[in-house]
Amino acid sequence: MSRGFVKEGDQEEAPFIPPRAALPAGVDNYVTPYGLEELLSERENLEKQLKNLPTDETERRRESALIEGKLNLLNERISSARVINPKNQPQEEVRFGAVVTFELNGKTQKFQIVGVDEAQIKNKKIAFTAPLSQALIGSKSGEIVDFKNGNRKLKIKVLNIEYPQ
């Protein structure tokens, strides 16, 4: 049927599918083994949701489009994932997967450097693409590194480097 014969009220808006965490163009999608497990678990949950859609046809169509959109984005991330096992990293240097304890502005902080999809500040995990991670990567325990935060230049002292086993 031509769209000219459809009432305006019958037209459905395309669902808004929230974007995934930003991954700059040309940057590999590094993930920890745990991060890949989380992505696969997320896919499993979305696939379960697809099997349990509402019975109302309109709601079913909307939910299905939303879930399938999320699945498409997720599958792109999974297929591009490059798993980096933290225990295979050089233990004396900050690299992807490291848990870094450092001092910044007189405060001691501790973060793990992880993939963009597994980054969560509240869980003390920051993306390897974040400016703080970029400043820390390549440094060694005891070193002081420069960190540019806007117009301010700060000094970060690396106190400890660990890799989860």
C-alpha atoms as a PDB file:
ATOM      1  CA  MET A   1       0.000   0.000   0.000  1.00  0.00           C
ATOM      2  CA  SER A   2       1.260   3.468  -0.840  1.00  0.00           C
ATOM      3  CA  ARG A   3       2.229   5.696   2.091  1.00  0.00           C
ATOM      4  CA  GLY A   4      -0.245   8.230   0.653  1.00  0.00           C
ATOM      5  CA  PHE A   5      -3.132   6.094   1.898  1.00  0.00           C
ATOM      6  CA  VAL A   6      -1.949   5.740   5.489  1.00  0.00           C
ATOM      7  CA  LYS A   7      -3.433   7.980   8.149  1.00  0.00           C
ATOM      8  CA  GLU A   8      -0.945  10.242   9.902  1.00  0.00           C
ATOM      9  CA  GLY A   9      -1.788   8.730  13.282  1.00  0.00           C
ATOM     10  CA  ASP A  10      -0.908   5.258  11.983  1.00  0.00           C
ATOM     11  CA  GLN A  11       2.658   6.162  11.125  1.00  0.00           C
ATOM     12  CA  GLU A  12       5.183   4.793  13.587  1.00  0.00           C
ATOM     13  CA  GLU A  13       8.328   6.628  14.514  1.00  0.00           C
ATOM     14  CA  ALA A  14      11.567   4.737  14.163  1.00  0.00           C
ATOM     15  CA  PRO A  15      12.755   3.665  17.620  1.00  0.00           C
ATOM     16  CA  PHE A  16      15.647   5.537  19.196  1.00  0.00           C
ATOM     17  CA  ILE A  17      18.510   3.102  19.603  1.00  0.00           C
ATOM     18  CA  PRO A  18      21.060   4.409  22.107  1.00  0.00           C
ATOM     19  CA  PRO A  19      24.581   4.460  20.682  1.00  0.00           C
ATOM     20  CA  ARG A  20      27.300   2.344  22.230  1.00  0.00           C
ATOM     21  CA  ALA A  21      30.306   3.934  23.923  1.00  0.00           C
ATOM     22  CA  ALA A  22      32.371   5.966  21.475  1.00  0.00           C
ATOM     23  CA  LEU A  23      35.281   4.237  19.779  1.00  0.00           C
ATOM     24  CA  PRO A  24      37.335   6.646  17.668  1.00  0.00           C
ATOM     25  CA  ALA A  25      37.611   5.820  13.970  1.00  0.00           C
ATOM     26  CA  GLY A  26      40.609   3.660  13.161  1.00  0.00           C
ATOM     27  CA  VAL A  27      41.127   2.565  16.777  1.00  0.00           C
ATOM     28  CA  ASP A  28      41.087  -1.161  17.542  1.00  0.00           C
ATOM     29  CA  ASN A  29      38.275  -2.354  19.796  1.00  0.00           C
ATOM     30  CA  TYR A  30      40.383  -3.745  22.645  1.00  0.00           C
ATOM     31  CA  VAL A  31      38.537  -5.730  25.307  1.00  0.00           C
ATOM     32  CA  THR A  32      39.631  -7.732  28.318  1.00  0.00           C
ATOM     33  CA  PRO A  33      38.502 -11.383  28.499  1.00  0.00           C
ATOM     34  CA  TYR A  34      35.963 -10.259  31.119  1.00  0.00           C
ATOM     35  CA  GLY A  35      34.788  -7.470  28.795  1.00  0.00           C
ATOM     36  CA  LEU A  36      34.150  -9.987  26.011  1.00  0.00           C
ATOM     37  CA  GLU A  37      32.177 -12.173  28.448  1.00  0.00           C
ATOM     38  CA  GLU A  38      30.039  -9.129  29.319  1.00  0.00           C
ATOM     39  CA  LEU A  39      29.360  -8.401  25.634  1.00  0.00           C
ATOM     40  CA  LEU A  40      28.383 -12.033  24.962  1.00  0.00           C
ATOM     41  CA  SER A  41      26.133 -12.053  28.036  1.00  0.00           C
ATOM     42  CA  GLU A  42      24.481  -8.821  26.863  1.00  0.00           C
ATOM     43  CA  ARG A  43      23.804 -10.439  23.469  1.00  0.00           C
ATOM     44  CA  GLU A  44      22.294 -13.493  25.148  1.00  0.00           C
ATOM     45  CA  ASN A  45      19.976 -11.260  27.204  1.00  0.00           C
ATOM     46  CA  LEU A  46      18.839  -9.317  24.128  1.00  0.00           C
ATOM     47  CA  GLU A  47      18.164 -12.570  22.272  1.00  0.00           C
ATOM     48  CA  LYS A  48      16.027 -13.762  25.211  1.00  0.00           C
ATOM     49  CA  GLN A  49      14.100 -10.475  25.106  1.00  0.00           C
ATOM     50  CA  LEU A  50      13.376 -11.067  21.405  1.00  0.00           C
ATOM     51  CA  LYS A  51      11.709 -14.363  22.324  1.00  0.00           C
ATOM     52  CA  ASN A  52       9.507 -12.731  24.977  1.00  0.00           C
ATOM     53  CA  LEU A  53       7.943  -9.823  23.115  1.00  0.00           C
ATOM     54  CA  PRO A  54       4.570  -8.302  24.068  1.00  0.00           C
ATOM     55  CA  THR A  55       1.451  -9.811  22.469  1.00  0.00           C
ATOM     56  CA  ASP A  56       0.095  -6.464  21.230  1.00  0.00           C
ATOM     57  CA  GLU A  57       1.191  -6.237  17.569  1.00  0.00           C
ATOM     58  CA  THR A  58       2.222  -2.556  17.674  1.00  0.00           C
ATOM     59  CA  GLU A  59       4.206  -2.966  20.887  1.00  0.00           C
ATOM     60  CA  ARG A  60       5.705  -6.175  19.542  1.00  0.00           C
ATOM     61  CA  ARG A  61       6.890  -4.399  16.379  1.00  0.00           C
ATOM     62  CA  ARG A  62       8.362  -1.477  18.348  1.00  0.00           C
ATOM     63  CA  GLU A  63      10.139  -3.687  20.879  1.00  0.00           C
ATOM     64  CA  SER A  64      11.451  -5.956  18.135  1.00  0.00           C
ATOM     65  CA  ALA A  65      12.879  -3.028  16.140  1.00  0.00           C
ATOM     66  CA  LEU A  66      14.553  -1.613  19.260  1.00  0.00           C
ATOM     67  CA  ILE A  67      16.081  -4.921  20.339  1.00  0.00           C
ATOM     68  CA  GLU A  68      17.228  -5.801  16.819  1.00  0.00           C
ATOM     69  CA  GLY A  69      18.860  -2.371  16.500  1.00  0.00           C
ATOM     70  CA  LYS A  70      20.707  -2.892  19.777  1.00  0.00           C
ATOM     71  CA  LEU A  71      21.735  -6.384  18.662  1.00  0.00           C
ATOM     72  CA  ASN A  72      23.133  -5.062  15.385  1.00  0.00           C
ATOM     73  CA  LEU A  73      25.310  -2.510  17.205  1.00  0.00           C
ATOM     74  CA  LEU A  74      26.382  -5.108  19.762  1.00  0.00           C
ATOM     75  CA  ASN A  75      27.257  -7.693  17.104  1.00  0.00           C
ATOM     76  CA  GLU A  76      29.448  -5.115  15.346  1.00  0.00           C
ATOM     77  CA  ARG A  77      31.344  -4.594  18.603  1.00  0.00           C
ATOM     78  CA  ILE A  78      31.688  -8.316  19.253  1.00  0.00           C
ATOM     79  CA  SER A  79      32.940  -9.016  15.740  1.00  0.00           C
ATOM     80  CA  SER A  80      35.525  -6.204  15.983  1.00  0.00           C
ATOM     81  CA  ALA A  81      36.657  -7.137  19.513  1.00  0.00           C
ATOM     82  CA  ARG A  82      40.345  -7.747  19.957  1.00  0.00           C
ATOM     83  CA  VAL A  83      40.860  -9.557  23.250  1.00  0.00           C
ATOM     84  CA  ILE A  84      43.940  -8.506  25.218  1.00  0.00           C
ATOM     85  CA  ASN A  85      44.656 -10.637  28.266  1.00  0.00           C
ATOM     86  CA  PRO A  86      46.059  -8.397  31.033  1.00  0.00           C
ATOM     87  CA  LYS A  87      48.286 -11.169  32.403  1.00  0.00           C
ATOM     88  CA  ASN A  88      50.148 -11.236  29.067  1.00  0.00           C
ATOM     89  CA  GLN A  89      51.064  -7.539  29.302  1.00  0.00           C
ATOM     90  CA  PRO A  90      54.512  -6.323  30.431  1.00  0.00           C
ATOM     91  CA  GLN A  91      53.977  -6.285  34.198  1.00  0.00           C
ATOM     92  CA  GLU A  92      56.317  -3.366  34.932  1.00  0.00           C
ATOM     93  CA  GLU A  93      54.572  -0.924  32.586  1.00  0.00           C
ATOM     94  CA  VAL A  94      51.078   0.573  32.353  1.00  0.00           C
ATOM     95  CA  ARG A  95      49.267  -1.045  29.440  1.00  0.00           C
ATOM     96  CA  PHE A  96      45.741  -2.088  28.540  1.00  0.00           C
ATOM     97  CA  GLY A  97      44.192  -4.065  31.413  1.00  0.00           C
ATOM     98  CA  ALA A  98      46.458  -2.606  34.108  1.00  0.00           C
ATOM     99  CA  VAL A  99      45.113  -1.586  37.487  1.00  0.00           C
ATOM    100  CA  VAL A 100      47.011   1.616  38.199  1.00  0.00           C
ATOM    101  CA  THR A 101      47.336   3.340  41.549  1.00  0.00           C
ATOM    102  CA  PHE A 102      48.452   6.928  41.145  1.00  0.00           C
ATOM    103  CA  GLU A 103      48.535  10.274  42.875  1.00  0.00           C
ATOM    104  CA  LEU A 104      46.862  13.277  41.264  1.00  0.00           C
ATOM    105  CA  ASN A 105      46.349  16.610  43.038  1.00  0.00           C
ATOM    106  CA  GLY A 106      47.431  15.061  46.335  1.00  0.00           C
ATOM    107  CA  LYS A 107      44.791  12.313  46.134  1.00  0.00           C
ATOM    108  CA  THR A 108      45.513   8.638  45.624  1.00  0.00           C
ATOM    109  CA  GLN A 109      43.294   6.977  43.022  1.00  0.00           C
ATOM    110  CA  LYS A 110      43.086   3.531  41.511  1.00  0.00           C
ATOM    111  CA  PHE A 111      41.612   2.600  38.120  1.00  0.00           C
ATOM    112  CA  GLN A 112      41.752  -0.281  35.675  1.00  0.00           C
ATOM    113  CA  ILE A 113      42.292   0.566  32.005  1.00  0.00           C
ATOM    114  CA  VAL A 114      39.712  -1.377  29.969  1.00  0.00           C
ATOM    115  CA  GLY A 115      37.759  -1.375  26.701  1.00  0.00           C
ATOM    116  CA  VAL A 116      35.231   1.328  25.885  1.00  0.00           C
ATOM    117  CA  ASP A 117      32.232  -0.953  26.449  1.00  0.00           C
ATOM    118  CA  GLU A 118      33.376  -2.112  29.884  1.00  0.00           C
ATOM    119  CA  ALA A 119      34.415   1.296  31.223  1.00  0.00           C
ATOM    120  CA  GLN A 120      32.460   2.410  34.310  1.00  0.00           C
ATOM    121  CA  ILE A 121      33.808   5.150  36.545  1.00  0.00           C
ATOM    122  CA  LYS A 122      31.753   3.918  39.517  1.00  0.00           C
ATOM    123  CA  ASN A 123      33.516   0.540  39.216  1.00  0.00           C
ATOM    124  CA  LYS A 124      36.923   2.224  38.888  1.00  0.00           C
ATOM    125  CA  LYS A 125      37.290   1.255  35.220  1.00  0.00           C
ATOM    126  CA  ILE A 126      38.256   3.784  32.550  1.00  0.00           C
ATOM    127  CA  ALA A 127      38.454   3.348  28.790  1.00  0.00           C
ATOM    128  CA  PHE A 128      41.861   3.034  27.181  1.00  0.00           C
ATOM    129  CA  THR A 129      40.821   5.926  24.918  1.00  0.00           C
ATOM    130  CA  ALA A 130      40.270   8.330  27.843  1.00  0.00           C
ATOM    131  CA  PRO A 131      42.818  11.161  28.200  1.00  0.00           C
ATOM    132  CA  LEU A 132      43.825   9.925  31.670  1.00  0.00           C
ATOM    133  CA  SER A 133      44.530   6.435  30.317  1.00  0.00           C
ATOM    134  CA  GLN A 134      46.471   7.863  27.413  1.00  0.00           C
ATOM    135  CA  ALA A 135      48.647   9.843  29.837  1.00  0.00           C
ATOM    136  CA  LEU A 136      49.334   6.761  31.985  1.00  0.00           C
ATOM    137  CA  ILE A 137      49.958   4.166  29.245  1.00  0.00           C
ATOM    138  CA  GLY A 138      53.645   3.423  28.861  1.00  0.00           C
ATOM    139  CA  SER A 139      54.633   4.736  32.298  1.00  0.00           C
ATOM    140  CA  LYS A 140      56.296   2.735  35.053  1.00  0.00           C
ATOM    141  CA  SER A 141      55.894   2.664  38.814  1.00  0.00           C
ATOM    142  CA  GLY A 142      57.537   5.695  40.433  1.00  0.00           C
ATOM    143  CA  GLU A 143      57.383   7.820  37.280  1.00  0.00           C
ATOM    144  CA  ILE A 144      55.734  11.213  37.096  1.00  0.00           C
ATOM    145  CA  VAL A 145      53.760  11.874  33.915  1.00  0.00           C
ATOM    146  CA  ASP A 146      52.215  15.034  32.517  1.00  0.00           C
ATOM    147  CA  PHE A 147      48.456  15.158  32.158  1.00  0.00           C
ATOM    148  CA  LYS A 148      46.717  17.949  30.326  1.00  0.00           C
ATOM    149  CA  ASN A 149      43.233  18.607  31.679  1.00  0.00           C
ATOM    150  CA  GLY A 150      41.760  21.397  29.587  1.00  0.00           C
ATOM    151  CA  ASN A 151      44.132  24.344  29.949  1.00  0.00           C
ATOM    152  CA  ARG A 152      45.730  22.921  33.106  1.00  0.00           C
ATOM    153  CA  LYS A 153      48.882  20.828  33.099  1.00  0.00           C
ATOM    154  CA  LEU A 154      48.924  18.377  35.969  1.00  0.00           C
ATOM    155  CA  LYS A 155      51.475  15.882  37.247  1.00  0.00           C
ATOM    156  CA  ILE A 156      50.529  12.281  37.952  1.00  0.00           C
ATOM    157  CA  LYS A 157      52.762  10.054  40.041  1.00  0.00           C
ATOM    158  CA  VAL A 158      52.400   6.352  39.243  1.00  0.00           C
ATOM    159  CA  LEU A 159      52.471   4.503  42.570  1.00  0.00           C
ATOM    160  CA  ASN A 160      51.668   0.912  41.620  1.00  0.00           C
ATOM    161  CA  ILE A 161      50.840  -1.246  38.605  1.00  0.00           C
ATOM    162  CA  GLU A 162      49.007  -4.572  38.883  1.00  0.00           C
ATOM    163  CA  TYR A 163      47.455  -6.914  36.363  1.00  0.00           C
ATOM    164  CA  PRO A 164      44.454  -8.999  37.405  1.00  0.00           C
ATOM    165  CA  GLN A 165      45.081 -12.705  37.086  1.00  0.00           C
END
